[in-house]
Amino acid sequence: MLTDVIVVCPNCQDQKPITNLLTAQSNQNIIYKCVECEYEQKNIKTKKG
C-alpha cells in the first residue's frame, strides 16, 4: 500500500501531499511552491542533480 509523502511548507507550516507541489527542472533540480502562501524555493538539489 502506497501513501503520499506529506510536505511541510517552511514559511506557513501548511502540510500537503507532495503531489503537484514540485516542478522538475532541466538541470535535474526541483522547484517547490506552496499552494497556500505562494512561498517558492528554487534549485533544490536532488541526488541526480
Protein backbone atom coordinates (compact mmCIF):
# COMPACT_ATOMS: atom_id res chain seq x y z
CA MET A 1 0.00 0.00 0.00
CA LEU A 2 1.47 3.33 -1.09
CA THR A 3 0.83 6.53 0.82
CA ASP A 4 1.52 10.11 -0.22
CA VAL A 5 4.53 11.85 1.24
CA ILE A 6 3.47 14.90 3.27
CA VAL A 7 5.47 18.11 2.73
CA VAL A 8 5.54 20.92 5.32
CA CYS A 9 5.96 24.46 3.99
CA PRO A 10 8.93 26.18 5.70
CA ASN A 11 7.08 29.52 5.54
CA CYS A 12 3.49 28.88 6.69
CA GLN A 13 3.80 25.32 8.08
CA ASP A 14 0.92 24.12 5.87
CA GLN A 15 1.01 20.37 5.22
CA LYS A 16 0.06 18.92 1.85
CA PRO A 17 0.77 15.73 -0.11
CA ILE A 18 3.81 16.04 -2.35
CA THR A 19 1.65 15.66 -5.49
CA ASN A 20 1.64 18.87 -7.60
CA LEU A 21 3.96 20.79 -5.22
CA LEU A 22 7.20 20.07 -7.05
CA THR A 23 8.29 21.02 -10.56
CA ALA A 24 11.26 19.33 -12.21
CA GLN A 25 13.88 21.48 -13.93
CA SER A 26 16.06 20.51 -16.88
CA ASN A 27 19.18 20.52 -14.66
CA GLN A 28 17.56 17.77 -12.51
CA ASN A 29 16.89 20.14 -9.61
CA ILE A 30 13.34 20.87 -8.46
CA ILE A 31 11.18 23.87 -7.54
CA TYR A 32 8.84 23.75 -4.52
CA LYS A 33 5.80 26.07 -4.45
CA CYS A 34 3.30 26.22 -1.58
CA VAL A 35 -0.30 26.42 -2.79
CA GLU A 36 -1.43 28.23 0.38
CA CYS A 37 1.07 31.07 0.90
CA GLU A 38 2.76 31.05 -2.56
CA TYR A 39 6.22 30.53 -0.96
CA GLU A 40 8.66 29.28 -3.59
CA GLN A 41 12.06 27.66 -3.25
CA LYS A 42 14.07 27.10 -6.42
CA ASN A 43 17.04 24.94 -7.40
CA ILE A 44 16.59 22.28 -4.72
CA LYS A 45 19.28 19.73 -5.45
CA THR A 46 18.35 16.09 -5.92
CA LYS A 47 20.60 13.05 -5.80
CA LYS A 48 20.73 13.17 -9.60
CA GLY A 49 21.47 16.90 -9.87
